Protein backbone atom coordinates (compact mmCIF):
# COMPACT_ATOMS: atom_id res chain seq x y z
CA UNK A 1 178.60 110.35 37.44
CA UNK A 2 178.24 108.50 41.14
CA UNK A 3 176.45 111.85 42.39
CA UNK A 4 173.80 111.29 39.26
CA UNK A 5 173.51 107.37 40.26
CA UNK A 6 172.22 108.34 43.15
CA UNK A 7 169.90 111.16 42.17
CA UNK A 8 168.28 108.79 39.56
CA UNK A 9 167.80 106.09 42.36
CA UNK A 10 166.42 108.07 44.59
CA UNK A 11 163.82 109.50 42.02
CA UNK A 12 162.76 105.83 41.34
CA UNK A 13 162.24 105.04 45.16
CA UNK A 14 160.19 108.15 45.16
CA UNK A 15 157.82 106.92 42.70
CA UNK A 16 157.23 103.92 43.89
CA UNK A 17 156.73 105.18 47.48
CA UNK A 18 153.79 107.42 46.28
CA UNK A 19 152.35 104.28 44.01
CA UNK A 20 152.37 102.51 47.31
CA UNK A 21 151.09 105.00 49.58
CA UNK A 22 148.14 105.39 46.68
CA UNK A 23 147.55 101.92 46.90
CA UNK A 24 147.11 102.04 50.83
CA UNK A 25 144.55 105.17 50.75
CA UNK A 26 142.47 103.17 48.18
CA UNK A 27 142.16 100.05 50.25
CA UNK A 28 141.51 102.48 53.42
CA UNK A 29 138.90 104.72 51.44
CA UNK A 30 137.20 100.81 50.21
CA UNK A 31 137.08 99.43 53.99
CA UNK A 32 135.29 103.17 54.99
CA UNK A 33 133.24 102.29 52.37
CA UNK A 34 132.02 98.78 52.89
CA UNK A 35 132.01 99.74 57.23
CA UNK A 36 129.17 102.68 56.26
CA UNK A 37 127.45 100.41 54.16
CA UNK A 38 127.55 97.45 56.82
CA UNK A 39 126.54 99.97 59.52
CA UNK A 40 123.97 102.08 57.92
CA UNK A 41 120.40 101.66 59.36
CA UNK A 42 117.97 101.23 56.22
CA UNK A 43 115.58 104.46 56.04
CA UNK A 44 112.36 101.76 56.43
CA UNK A 45 113.52 100.91 59.94
CA UNK A 46 113.54 104.86 60.78
CA UNK A 47 109.78 105.33 59.38
CA UNK A 48 108.76 102.26 61.58
CA UNK A 49 110.32 103.69 64.85
CA UNK A 50 108.86 107.39 63.82
CA UNK A 51 104.96 105.69 63.31
CA UNK A 52 105.55 103.51 66.56
CA UNK A 53 106.51 106.33 68.30
CA UNK A 54 103.40 108.52 66.77
CA UNK A 55 101.45 105.71 67.77
CA UNK A 56 102.51 105.32 71.60
CA UNK A 57 101.93 109.20 72.24
CA UNK A 58 98.44 109.36 70.17
CA UNK A 59 97.51 106.45 72.67
CA UNK A 60 98.04 108.36 75.76
CA UNK A 61 97.09 111.64 74.22
CA UNK A 62 93.58 109.69 73.90
CA UNK A 63 93.84 107.96 77.32
CA UNK A 64 94.41 111.31 78.45
CA UNK A 65 91.96 113.18 76.34
CA UNK A 66 89.75 114.61 79.09
CA UNK A 67 92.68 115.61 81.42
CA UNK A 68 94.11 117.76 78.13
CA UNK A 69 91.23 119.77 77.50
CA UNK A 70 92.49 123.70 77.83
CA UNK A 71 90.41 123.97 81.46
CA UNK A 72 92.26 120.83 82.48
CA UNK A 73 95.80 121.83 81.76
CA UNK A 74 95.17 125.34 83.24
CA UNK A 75 93.52 123.64 86.23
CA UNK A 76 96.65 121.70 86.72
CA UNK A 77 99.01 124.60 86.07
CA UNK A 78 97.26 126.36 88.69
CA UNK A 79 97.35 123.51 91.23
CA UNK A 80 101.09 123.94 90.53
CA UNK A 81 101.34 127.34 91.09
CA UNK A 82 99.17 127.14 94.43
CA UNK A 83 101.35 124.34 95.92
CA UNK A 84 104.07 126.48 96.01
CA UNK A 85 105.24 128.16 99.29
CA UNK A 86 105.36 127.21 103.07
CA UNK A 87 102.74 127.33 105.61
CA UNK A 88 102.88 127.80 109.47
CA UNK A 89 103.05 124.68 110.65
CA UNK A 90 101.03 121.91 112.40
CA UNK A 91 98.55 122.33 114.60
CA UNK A 92 96.17 123.61 113.17
CA UNK A 93 92.57 124.74 114.09
CA UNK A 94 89.56 123.01 111.98
CA UNK A 95 87.50 125.41 110.18
CA UNK A 96 83.82 124.47 111.26
CA UNK A 97 82.95 122.77 114.57
CA UNK A 98 83.28 119.25 113.74
CA UNK A 99 85.43 116.50 111.29
CA UNK A 100 84.03 112.80 110.56
CA UNK A 101 86.29 110.95 110.15
CA UNK A 102 85.37 109.65 107.02
CA UNK A 103 85.72 113.39 105.75
CA UNK A 104 89.77 113.36 106.49
CA UNK A 105 91.81 112.00 104.10
CA UNK A 106 95.99 112.28 102.60
CA UNK A 107 95.64 112.23 98.85
CA UNK A 108 99.01 112.84 97.41
CA UNK A 109 100.97 114.26 100.39
CA UNK A 110 98.03 116.76 100.90
CA UNK A 111 95.53 116.61 103.59
CA UNK A 112 92.14 116.91 102.53
CA UNK A 113 89.45 117.57 105.45
CA UNK A 114 85.67 118.50 104.84
CA UNK A 115 84.18 119.79 108.51
CA UNK A 116 80.48 120.59 108.86
CA UNK A 117 81.34 124.11 107.22
CA UNK A 118 84.16 124.05 105.27
CA UNK A 119 86.15 121.97 102.77
CA UNK A 120 90.32 122.70 103.39
CA UNK A 121 93.34 121.30 102.20
CA UNK A 122 96.56 121.94 103.23
CA UNK A 123 100.22 121.09 102.03
CA UNK A 124 102.49 119.42 104.33
CA UNK A 125 103.66 122.80 105.91
CA UNK A 126 100.27 123.50 106.78
CA UNK A 127 99.99 126.02 104.08
CA UNK A 128 96.11 126.27 102.52
CA UNK A 129 95.87 125.45 99.18
CA UNK A 130 91.83 125.31 99.32
CA UNK A 131 89.51 126.73 101.45
CA UNK A 132 85.40 126.04 100.14
CA UNK A 133 82.45 126.85 102.23
CA UNK A 134 79.42 124.33 101.83
CA UNK A 135 76.11 124.25 103.01
CA UNK A 136 75.42 120.61 103.67
CA UNK A 137 74.05 119.17 107.13
CA UNK A 138 75.27 115.54 106.36
CA UNK A 139 78.63 116.50 103.96
CA UNK A 140 80.03 113.51 102.55
CA UNK A 141 83.35 113.66 100.71
CA UNK A 142 85.21 111.94 97.82
CA UNK A 143 88.57 112.92 96.66
CA UNK A 144 90.28 111.67 93.79
CA UNK A 145 93.20 113.44 91.90
CA UNK A 146 93.05 117.32 92.17
CA UNK A 147 89.19 116.94 92.92
CA UNK A 148 86.99 117.02 95.26
CA UNK A 149 83.22 115.78 95.85
CA UNK A 150 80.86 117.01 98.49
CA UNK A 151 77.43 115.55 98.73
CA UNK A 152 74.48 116.15 101.39
CA UNK A 153 73.88 112.91 102.41
CA UNK A 154 70.02 112.17 102.45
CA UNK A 155 69.77 115.91 100.34
CA UNK A 156 70.37 116.67 96.68
CA UNK A 157 73.09 118.98 96.81
CA UNK A 158 76.33 118.71 95.30
CA UNK A 159 79.67 120.53 94.50
CA UNK A 160 83.25 119.81 92.99
CA UNK A 161 85.77 121.38 93.75
CA UNK A 162 89.48 121.95 92.31
CA UNK A 163 92.02 123.54 94.21
CA UNK A 164 91.44 126.80 92.90
CA UNK A 165 87.79 126.88 92.04
CA UNK A 166 84.16 125.48 92.85
CA UNK A 167 83.93 123.51 89.12
CA UNK A 168 80.07 122.26 89.83
CA UNK A 169 77.77 123.30 92.04
CA UNK A 170 74.40 121.60 91.68
CA UNK A 171 71.74 119.73 93.00
CA UNK A 172 70.41 115.57 92.04
CA UNK A 173 66.48 114.95 91.67
CA UNK A 174 66.35 112.71 93.91
CA UNK A 175 67.95 112.01 97.65
CA UNK A 176 71.89 111.24 97.48
CA UNK A 177 72.07 107.38 98.70
CA UNK A 178 75.87 107.52 97.83
CA UNK A 179 78.35 109.40 95.55
CA UNK A 180 81.56 108.52 93.87
CA UNK A 181 84.42 110.42 92.44
CA UNK A 182 86.85 108.81 89.48
CA UNK A 183 90.49 110.03 89.11
CA UNK A 184 89.95 111.83 85.82
CA UNK A 185 86.60 113.95 87.31
CA UNK A 186 83.53 111.53 86.18
CA UNK A 187 81.64 111.23 88.97
CA UNK A 188 78.29 109.31 90.04
CA UNK A 189 75.11 109.46 92.43
CA UNK A 190 72.84 106.57 93.89
CA UNK A 191 69.91 108.44 94.49
CA UNK A 192 65.77 108.04 94.88
CA UNK A 193 63.97 107.59 92.50
CA UNK A 194 60.08 107.12 92.02
CA UNK A 195 58.74 103.82 91.50
CA UNK A 196 61.92 102.22 92.07
CA UNK A 197 64.20 101.25 94.95
CA UNK A 198 67.33 104.15 93.30
CA UNK A 199 68.70 104.67 90.46
CA UNK A 200 72.42 105.50 89.82
CA UNK A 201 73.32 108.63 87.54
CA UNK A 202 77.31 109.37 85.79
CA UNK A 203 78.34 111.98 84.70
CA UNK A 204 81.07 113.70 82.75
CA UNK A 205 83.79 116.05 84.20
CA UNK A 206 81.61 118.91 82.79
CA UNK A 207 78.69 117.93 84.58
CA UNK A 208 76.87 116.54 81.96
CA UNK A 209 74.85 113.03 82.51
CA UNK A 210 75.76 110.66 80.58
CA UNK A 211 74.39 107.63 81.79
CA UNK A 212 71.35 105.90 84.00
CA UNK A 213 70.82 102.98 85.64
CA UNK A 214 67.42 102.10 87.76
CA UNK A 215 67.35 99.42 90.66
CA UNK A 216 64.40 97.28 90.66
CA UNK A 217 65.06 95.16 93.40
CA UNK A 218 67.66 96.11 95.50
CA UNK A 219 68.39 99.83 97.30
CA UNK A 220 71.89 100.81 96.96
CA UNK A 221 74.34 101.79 99.54
CA UNK A 222 77.34 102.65 97.89
CA UNK A 223 79.28 103.32 94.49
CA UNK A 224 82.33 103.28 93.10
CA UNK A 225 84.28 104.39 89.73
CA UNK A 226 87.05 103.04 87.85
CA UNK A 227 89.99 105.27 87.17
CA UNK A 228 88.41 106.23 83.31
CA UNK A 229 84.92 106.45 85.02
CA UNK A 230 83.59 103.94 82.40
CA UNK A 231 82.67 101.42 84.55
CA UNK A 232 80.86 101.20 88.20
CA UNK A 233 80.56 98.96 91.24
CA UNK A 234 77.36 99.58 92.88
CA UNK A 235 76.53 97.57 96.44
CA UNK A 236 72.90 97.46 97.65
CA UNK A 237 70.56 95.72 100.26
CA UNK A 238 67.12 94.39 99.89
CA UNK A 239 64.72 92.21 102.46
CA UNK A 240 64.50 88.61 101.36
CA UNK A 241 62.25 85.94 103.33
CA UNK A 242 62.20 88.14 106.19
CA UNK A 243 66.11 88.28 106.16
CA UNK A 244 68.63 90.89 104.62
CA UNK A 245 70.37 90.26 101.53
CA UNK A 246 73.37 92.10 99.55
CA UNK A 247 73.96 92.47 96.15
CA UNK A 248 77.14 93.81 94.03
CA UNK A 249 76.70 94.96 90.49
CA UNK A 250 79.33 96.17 88.09
CA UNK A 251 77.89 98.03 85.17
CA UNK A 252 79.55 99.12 81.82
CA UNK A 253 78.43 103.01 81.76
CA UNK A 254 78.28 102.37 78.34
CA UNK A 255 75.93 99.87 78.15
CA UNK A 256 72.09 99.62 78.50
CA UNK A 257 70.20 97.25 79.43
CA UNK A 258 68.85 95.35 83.04
CA UNK A 259 71.73 93.71 84.60
CA UNK A 260 71.87 90.79 87.15
CA UNK A 261 73.85 91.38 90.20
CA UNK A 262 77.08 90.01 90.01
CA UNK A 263 77.02 88.35 93.31
CA UNK A 264 74.67 88.33 96.05
CA UNK A 265 75.17 87.72 100.07
CA UNK A 266 72.94 86.70 102.83
CA UNK A 267 72.95 88.26 106.22
CA UNK A 268 75.49 90.46 105.00
CA UNK A 269 75.02 94.33 104.74
CA UNK A 270 76.97 95.66 102.36
CA UNK A 271 78.68 99.04 103.53
CA UNK A 272 81.41 100.63 101.21
CA UNK A 273 82.83 100.26 97.94
CA UNK A 274 85.93 100.85 95.93
CA UNK A 275 87.68 100.38 92.09
CA UNK A 276 91.53 100.40 92.31
CA UNK A 277 93.62 101.07 89.11
CA UNK A 278 94.39 97.72 89.39
CA UNK A 279 90.67 96.42 88.59
CA UNK A 280 90.30 95.50 91.87
CA UNK A 281 86.42 96.03 93.70
CA UNK A 282 86.61 95.77 97.14
CA UNK A 283 83.02 95.54 98.85
CA UNK A 284 83.01 95.84 102.40
CA UNK A 285 80.40 94.69 104.74
CA UNK A 286 79.52 94.42 108.06
CA UNK A 287 80.25 90.45 108.55
CA UNK A 288 82.53 90.07 105.51
CA UNK A 289 84.35 91.52 102.44
CA UNK A 290 84.64 90.52 98.75
CA UNK A 291 87.61 91.04 96.82
CA UNK A 292 86.36 91.01 93.15
CA UNK A 293 88.81 90.69 89.86
CA UNK A 294 87.22 92.47 87.05
CA UNK A 295 89.13 91.07 84.30
CA UNK A 296 88.37 87.68 85.40
CA UNK A 297 85.25 88.00 87.06
CA UNK A 298 86.26 86.30 90.29
CA UNK A 299 85.61 86.64 93.46
CA UNK A 300 87.39 86.44 97.06
CA UNK A 301 85.26 86.40 100.29
CA UNK A 302 86.71 87.35 103.41
CA UNK A 303 84.36 86.61 106.65
CA UNK A 304 85.37 87.81 109.63
CA UNK A 305 84.17 84.93 111.89
CA UNK A 306 81.84 86.76 114.16
CA UNK A 307 84.13 89.77 114.72
CA UNK A 308 82.73 93.37 114.56
CA UNK A 309 84.39 95.45 111.88
CA UNK A 310 85.39 99.04 113.19
CA UNK A 311 87.06 101.09 110.13
CA UNK A 312 88.43 99.76 107.05
CA UNK A 313 90.10 101.75 104.04
CA UNK A 314 91.74 100.63 100.50
CA UNK A 315 94.39 101.92 98.66
CA UNK A 316 96.15 100.60 95.61
CA UNK A 317 93.80 97.22 95.49
CA UNK A 318 95.02 96.48 98.97
CA UNK A 319 91.73 96.54 101.71
CA UNK A 320 92.78 97.02 105.46
CA UNK A 321 90.38 95.97 107.74
CA UNK A 322 89.94 96.53 111.68
CA UNK A 323 88.54 93.74 114.05
CA UNK A 324 87.17 93.40 117.08
CA UNK A 325 85.67 90.38 119.05
CA UNK A 326 83.30 92.59 120.91
CA UNK A 327 82.90 96.24 122.47
CA UNK A 328 85.66 97.41 124.83
CA UNK A 329 88.13 94.52 124.16
CA UNK A 330 91.55 94.54 125.12
CA UNK A 331 92.66 94.18 121.81
CA UNK A 332 92.12 93.99 117.47
CA UNK A 333 92.88 92.54 115.01
CA UNK A 334 94.29 94.40 111.96
CA UNK A 335 94.05 92.69 108.59
CA UNK A 336 95.21 93.86 105.18
CA UNK A 337 94.21 91.70 102.08
CA UNK A 338 95.83 91.70 99.06
CA UNK A 339 94.14 91.92 95.29
CA UNK A 340 93.65 88.60 95.06
CA UNK A 341 91.91 88.42 98.70
CA UNK A 342 94.23 86.74 100.90
CA UNK A 343 96.13 88.12 103.83
CA UNK A 344 99.33 90.02 103.52
CA UNK A 345 99.06 90.83 107.48
CA UNK A 346 97.01 89.84 110.33
CA UNK A 347 98.28 91.98 113.30
CA UNK A 348 97.07 91.92 117.22
CA UNK A 349 97.11 95.34 118.32
CA UNK A 350 96.21 96.57 121.55
CA UNK A 351 92.88 98.61 122.42
CA UNK A 352 90.25 99.14 119.83
CA UNK A 353 91.15 100.18 116.52
CA UNK A 354 89.24 103.99 115.63
CA UNK A 355 90.99 104.62 112.04
CA UNK A 356 93.07 102.56 109.74
CA UNK A 357 95.28 104.50 106.90
CA UNK A 358 97.60 102.56 104.11
CA UNK A 359 100.72 104.09 102.53
CA UNK A 360 103.41 102.11 100.27
CA UNK A 361 104.42 99.06 102.82
CA UNK A 362 102.92 100.97 106.12
CA UNK A 363 99.67 100.29 107.61
CA UNK A 364 98.78 102.32 110.53
CA UNK A 365 96.34 101.89 113.22
CA UNK A 366 94.89 104.57 115.71
CA UNK A 367 93.73 102.86 119.21
CA UNK A 368 93.58 104.64 122.54
CA UNK A 369 95.25 107.79 121.51
CA UNK A 370 98.54 105.84 119.95
CA UNK A 371 99.14 105.33 116.64
CA UNK A 372 100.40 101.27 115.81
CA UNK A 373 102.59 101.55 112.26
CA UNK A 374 103.41 97.86 110.75
CA UNK A 375 104.60 96.57 107.58
CA UNK A 376 101.63 96.18 105.30
CA UNK A 377 103.26 92.92 104.17
CA UNK A 378 103.86 90.61 107.18
CA UNK A 379 102.89 92.70 109.98
CA UNK A 380 106.40 93.68 111.42
CA UNK A 381 106.19 96.57 113.75
CA UNK A 382 107.38 99.92 112.46
CA UNK A 383 106.60 102.46 115.36
CA UNK A 384 104.08 103.94 117.84
CA UNK A 385 103.44 107.50 118.22
CA UNK A 386 101.65 109.31 120.61
CA UNK A 387 98.72 111.09 118.78
CA UNK A 388 96.95 112.96 121.71
CA UNK A 389 94.23 111.48 123.85
CA UNK A 390 91.11 113.62 121.60
CA UNK A 391 92.64 112.01 118.17
CA UNK A 392 89.92 110.28 116.09
CA UNK A 393 91.86 109.44 112.55
CA UNK A 394 94.69 108.86 110.64
CA UNK A 395 95.86 109.53 107.66
CA UNK A 396 99.56 108.35 106.63
CA UNK A 397 101.43 111.10 104.38
CA UNK A 398 104.16 109.01 103.41
CA UNK A 399 105.50 105.85 105.16
CA UNK A 400 106.79 107.92 107.75
CA UNK A 401 104.19 110.90 108.09
CA UNK A 402 100.77 110.89 108.91
CA UNK A 403 98.26 113.36 109.73
CA UNK A 404 95.92 113.04 112.73
CA UNK A 405 92.35 114.31 113.14
CA UNK A 406 92.14 115.69 116.93
CA UNK A 407 88.56 117.16 118.47
CA UNK A 408 89.44 120.75 117.39
CA UNK A 409 93.13 120.67 115.58
CA UNK A 410 94.48 118.90 113.22
CA UNK A 411 97.93 117.25 113.71
CA UNK A 412 101.10 116.05 111.92
CA UNK A 413 103.18 113.63 113.71
CA UNK A 414 106.69 111.33 112.65
CA UNK A 415 106.44 107.74 112.87
CA UNK A 416 109.67 107.30 114.40
CA UNK A 417 111.33 103.72 114.33
CA UNK A 418 111.48 101.51 117.40
């Protein structure tokens, strides 16, 4: 009897345990279901996210549609393949007889050089990425992105080059005053035009003319295009009451009709212009520089205070000017202007500056065969490097490397810190 009682009690305990376990399992299942409902993201949220992603991708494709054309994609792939490999190192002899400092630049750490006979592009190890001949008596180079524009100043010939081929080789109708190349491959020329002071013609990357403008009162001296090739800045000069007058035009290349100059300046010859990605236009004159904010349509004028301009460059909206008090001066001023036209640095450099270059936070000046490197903000000295007694120009490849143009060769130097 006592064993049966114990057996019966054992059965009752097991049943209670099973019911209790079942209740616990149900409560846990409810909690899990509630948590799933709490953390589950509604389907409409996924739809909105997908629409936003597709919209962003669509905008990127639209703004880069020119670069996404099959020929441009193939060009990009070919450029990458060409860039693979190592060269014999610098120095390298110049291909041709002479290279003007204006035709010596570093773009994306590559060295782009146009001599009196050839276009040559090298990587940092001196591997030749492109080598093409031209027949221009007064060649001028404009390089942007992966393309280089070469035109014959005062003539009609021009050619557009990629790393792998000649994209265009044509002639303009009038003699060329100035040319420009945009980041996405659009280009433009200011030329002579019968019955007018000059004509601006803008072209698509495939060489098709898309815009023309005739100047009635001023002779164009330079052209700059914005990165998309949809707007142009043109500097021009004229004689007014026996004196020199310069003007800056800002043109929308999708709009026809006469445009008044954005600004005019007396006794200042506008020499060159740059349109930076931030919307800043730098108009370089022989006595002052104008820094224009195209978004707000405002400008700041930087007067040289009687000093002479000896060299200049523009990079990422910042303008670099070298100024001397008179010929054969014992020192020069190296000035860096920000996109707002205000001084970022004003530095005294020994000797007369022949060439300037800007990369990141480093600004370099070539004077008396020596490269002087400084911080572009504040002007603190970074390095002093021997460039060679025959050095004509400097082009920074990075904040610590530079290419040097000699009379007969191309060199590479490192900017060793003090």
